[in-house]
Amino acid sequence: MGTRVDTTEFSWDEAKRQAVSAVRGIDFLDLAKALLDGRPLLTMPRRRGEEDRFVSVGLVGGRFYALVWTQRETAIRLITARRARDEEERQYRDLHG
């Protein structure tokens, strides 16, 4: 699947999106739109095999969330989303207050 928001193109696995939504109650496309709107983020690289991935942590609706993504050609490939871990929230607060 894919969509464009403003000038950013997103792609994702629709079955994975539905599974994350059902299990965690998080739609990672909605979360991506919120987190990638220019608000302060903590973004950390994470290597997965041969792929460079990133975890972006931000505050949405009073809660901290983490979005896992990678760059594929011209699109941001959304991999998964979850509530941020305590350590990720602490690092975010240390960086942004």
C-alpha atoms as a PDB file:
ATOM      1  CA  MET A   1       0.000   0.000   0.000  1.00  0.00           C
ATOM      2  CA  GLY A   2       1.044   3.599  -0.329  1.00  0.00           C
ATOM      3  CA  THR A   3      -0.105   7.168   0.035  1.00  0.00           C
ATOM      4  CA  ARG A   4       1.294  10.677  -0.145  1.00  0.00           C
ATOM      5  CA  VAL A   5       0.884  13.201   2.672  1.00  0.00           C
ATOM      6  CA  ASP A   6       1.913  16.686   1.601  1.00  0.00           C
ATOM      7  CA  THR A   7       5.221  15.930  -0.122  1.00  0.00           C
ATOM      8  CA  THR A   8       6.048  12.765   1.844  1.00  0.00           C
ATOM      9  CA  GLU A   9       5.273   9.404   0.300  1.00  0.00           C
ATOM     10  CA  PHE A  10       4.560   6.507   2.667  1.00  0.00           C
ATOM     11  CA  SER A  11       4.422   2.792   1.937  1.00  0.00           C
ATOM     12  CA  TRP A  12       3.516  -0.131   4.207  1.00  0.00           C
ATOM     13  CA  ASP A  13       2.311  -3.705   4.403  1.00  0.00           C
ATOM     14  CA  GLU A  14      -1.469  -3.448   4.832  1.00  0.00           C
ATOM     15  CA  ALA A  15      -1.742  -6.804   6.658  1.00  0.00           C
ATOM     16  CA  LYS A  16       0.895  -5.601   9.162  1.00  0.00           C
ATOM     17  CA  ARG A  17      -0.941  -2.275   9.585  1.00  0.00           C
ATOM     18  CA  GLN A  18      -4.195  -4.090  10.346  1.00  0.00           C
ATOM     19  CA  ALA A  19      -2.467  -6.476  12.780  1.00  0.00           C
ATOM     20  CA  VAL A  20      -0.794  -3.638  14.698  1.00  0.00           C
ATOM     21  CA  SER A  21      -4.090  -1.785  14.844  1.00  0.00           C
ATOM     22  CA  ALA A  22      -5.938  -4.866  16.157  1.00  0.00           C
ATOM     23  CA  VAL A  23      -3.332  -5.837  18.759  1.00  0.00           C
ATOM     24  CA  ARG A  24      -2.030  -2.429  19.906  1.00  0.00           C
ATOM     25  CA  GLY A  25      -4.850  -0.102  18.958  1.00  0.00           C
ATOM     26  CA  ILE A  26      -2.416   2.041  16.951  1.00  0.00           C
ATOM     27  CA  ASP A  27      -2.790   2.871  13.268  1.00  0.00           C
ATOM     28  CA  PHE A  28       0.797   3.450  12.244  1.00  0.00           C
ATOM     29  CA  LEU A  29      -0.182   5.504   9.211  1.00  0.00           C
ATOM     30  CA  ASP A  30      -2.064   7.966  11.443  1.00  0.00           C
ATOM     31  CA  LEU A  31       0.859   7.945  13.864  1.00  0.00           C
ATOM     32  CA  ALA A  32       3.334   8.600  11.038  1.00  0.00           C
ATOM     33  CA  LYS A  33       1.307  11.596   9.871  1.00  0.00           C
ATOM     34  CA  ALA A  34       1.320  12.956  13.432  1.00  0.00           C
ATOM     35  CA  LEU A  35       4.958  12.258  14.236  1.00  0.00           C
ATOM     36  CA  LEU A  36       6.360  13.487  10.937  1.00  0.00           C
ATOM     37  CA  ASP A  37       4.588  16.846  11.020  1.00  0.00           C
ATOM     38  CA  GLY A  38       7.637  18.782  12.229  1.00  0.00           C
ATOM     39  CA  ARG A  39       7.170  18.287  15.976  1.00  0.00           C
ATOM     40  CA  PRO A  40      10.261  17.484  18.083  1.00  0.00           C
ATOM     41  CA  LEU A  41      11.322  13.844  17.772  1.00  0.00           C
ATOM     42  CA  LEU A  42      13.982  11.540  19.083  1.00  0.00           C
ATOM     43  CA  THR A  43      15.124   9.433  16.129  1.00  0.00           C
ATOM     44  CA  MET A  44      17.588   6.596  16.627  1.00  0.00           C
ATOM     45  CA  PRO A  45      19.129   4.325  13.998  1.00  0.00           C
ATOM     46  CA  ARG A  46      18.531   0.583  14.307  1.00  0.00           C
ATOM     47  CA  ARG A  47      20.199  -1.889  11.958  1.00  0.00           C
ATOM     48  CA  ARG A  48      18.104  -4.910  10.952  1.00  0.00           C
ATOM     49  CA  GLY A  49      20.115  -7.284   8.792  1.00  0.00           C
ATOM     50  CA  GLU A  50      21.157  -5.320   5.728  1.00  0.00           C
ATOM     51  CA  GLU A  51      18.489  -2.635   6.235  1.00  0.00           C
ATOM     52  CA  ASP A  52      18.962   0.675   8.028  1.00  0.00           C
ATOM     53  CA  ARG A  53      15.897   1.290  10.153  1.00  0.00           C
ATOM     54  CA  PHE A  54      14.955   4.147  12.433  1.00  0.00           C
ATOM     55  CA  VAL A  55      12.851   4.491  15.555  1.00  0.00           C
ATOM     56  CA  SER A  56      11.239   7.907  15.932  1.00  0.00           C
ATOM     57  CA  VAL A  57       9.769   8.717  19.338  1.00  0.00           C
ATOM     58  CA  GLY A  58       7.361  11.572  19.898  1.00  0.00           C
ATOM     59  CA  LEU A  59       4.489  12.816  21.981  1.00  0.00           C
ATOM     60  CA  VAL A  60       1.006  12.421  20.469  1.00  0.00           C
ATOM     61  CA  GLY A  61      -2.144  13.073  22.456  1.00  0.00           C
ATOM     62  CA  GLY A  62      -0.237  13.179  25.754  1.00  0.00           C
ATOM     63  CA  ARG A  63       1.427   9.770  25.240  1.00  0.00           C
ATOM     64  CA  PHE A  64       4.792   8.749  23.884  1.00  0.00           C
ATOM     65  CA  TYR A  65       4.825   6.549  20.795  1.00  0.00           C
ATOM     66  CA  ALA A  66       7.552   4.939  18.714  1.00  0.00           C
ATOM     67  CA  LEU A  67       7.372   4.531  14.954  1.00  0.00           C
ATOM     68  CA  VAL A  68       9.769   2.129  13.220  1.00  0.00           C
ATOM     69  CA  TRP A  69      10.511   3.036   9.608  1.00  0.00           C
ATOM     70  CA  THR A  70      13.072   2.925   6.822  1.00  0.00           C
ATOM     71  CA  GLN A  71      13.744   4.848   3.636  1.00  0.00           C
ATOM     72  CA  ARG A  72      13.009   2.864   0.467  1.00  0.00           C
ATOM     73  CA  GLU A  73      13.655   4.679  -2.775  1.00  0.00           C
ATOM     74  CA  THR A  74      11.485   7.811  -2.575  1.00  0.00           C
ATOM     75  CA  ALA A  75       9.092   6.582   0.146  1.00  0.00           C
ATOM     76  CA  ILE A  76       9.210   6.212   3.894  1.00  0.00           C
ATOM     77  CA  ARG A  77       8.397   2.542   4.543  1.00  0.00           C
ATOM     78  CA  LEU A  78       6.390   2.210   7.757  1.00  0.00           C
ATOM     79  CA  ILE A  79       7.275  -1.004   9.567  1.00  0.00           C
ATOM     80  CA  THR A  80       5.469  -0.877  12.913  1.00  0.00           C
ATOM     81  CA  ALA A  81       4.344   1.350  15.765  1.00  0.00           C
ATOM     82  CA  ARG A  82       4.054   0.903  19.517  1.00  0.00           C
ATOM     83  CA  ARG A  83       3.976   2.791  22.786  1.00  0.00           C
ATOM     84  CA  ALA A  84       7.451   4.125  23.513  1.00  0.00           C
ATOM     85  CA  ARG A  85       9.565   2.231  26.008  1.00  0.00           C
ATOM     86  CA  ASP A  86      10.461   3.924  29.306  1.00  0.00           C
ATOM     87  CA  GLU A  87      14.073   4.406  28.197  1.00  0.00           C
ATOM     88  CA  GLU A  88      12.973   5.972  24.907  1.00  0.00           C
ATOM     89  CA  GLU A  89      10.680   8.368  26.770  1.00  0.00           C
ATOM     90  CA  ARG A  90      13.521   9.276  29.156  1.00  0.00           C
ATOM     91  CA  GLN A  91      15.881   9.946  26.240  1.00  0.00           C
ATOM     92  CA  TYR A  92      13.231  12.107  24.567  1.00  0.00           C
ATOM     93  CA  ARG A  93      12.709  14.136  27.764  1.00  0.00           C
ATOM     94  CA  ASP A  94      16.477  14.521  28.207  1.00  0.00           C
ATOM     95  CA  LEU A  95      16.734  15.885  24.666  1.00  0.00           C
ATOM     96  CA  HIS A  96      13.584  18.028  24.481  1.00  0.00           C
ATOM     97  CA  GLY A  97      12.628  18.667  28.096  1.00  0.00           C
END
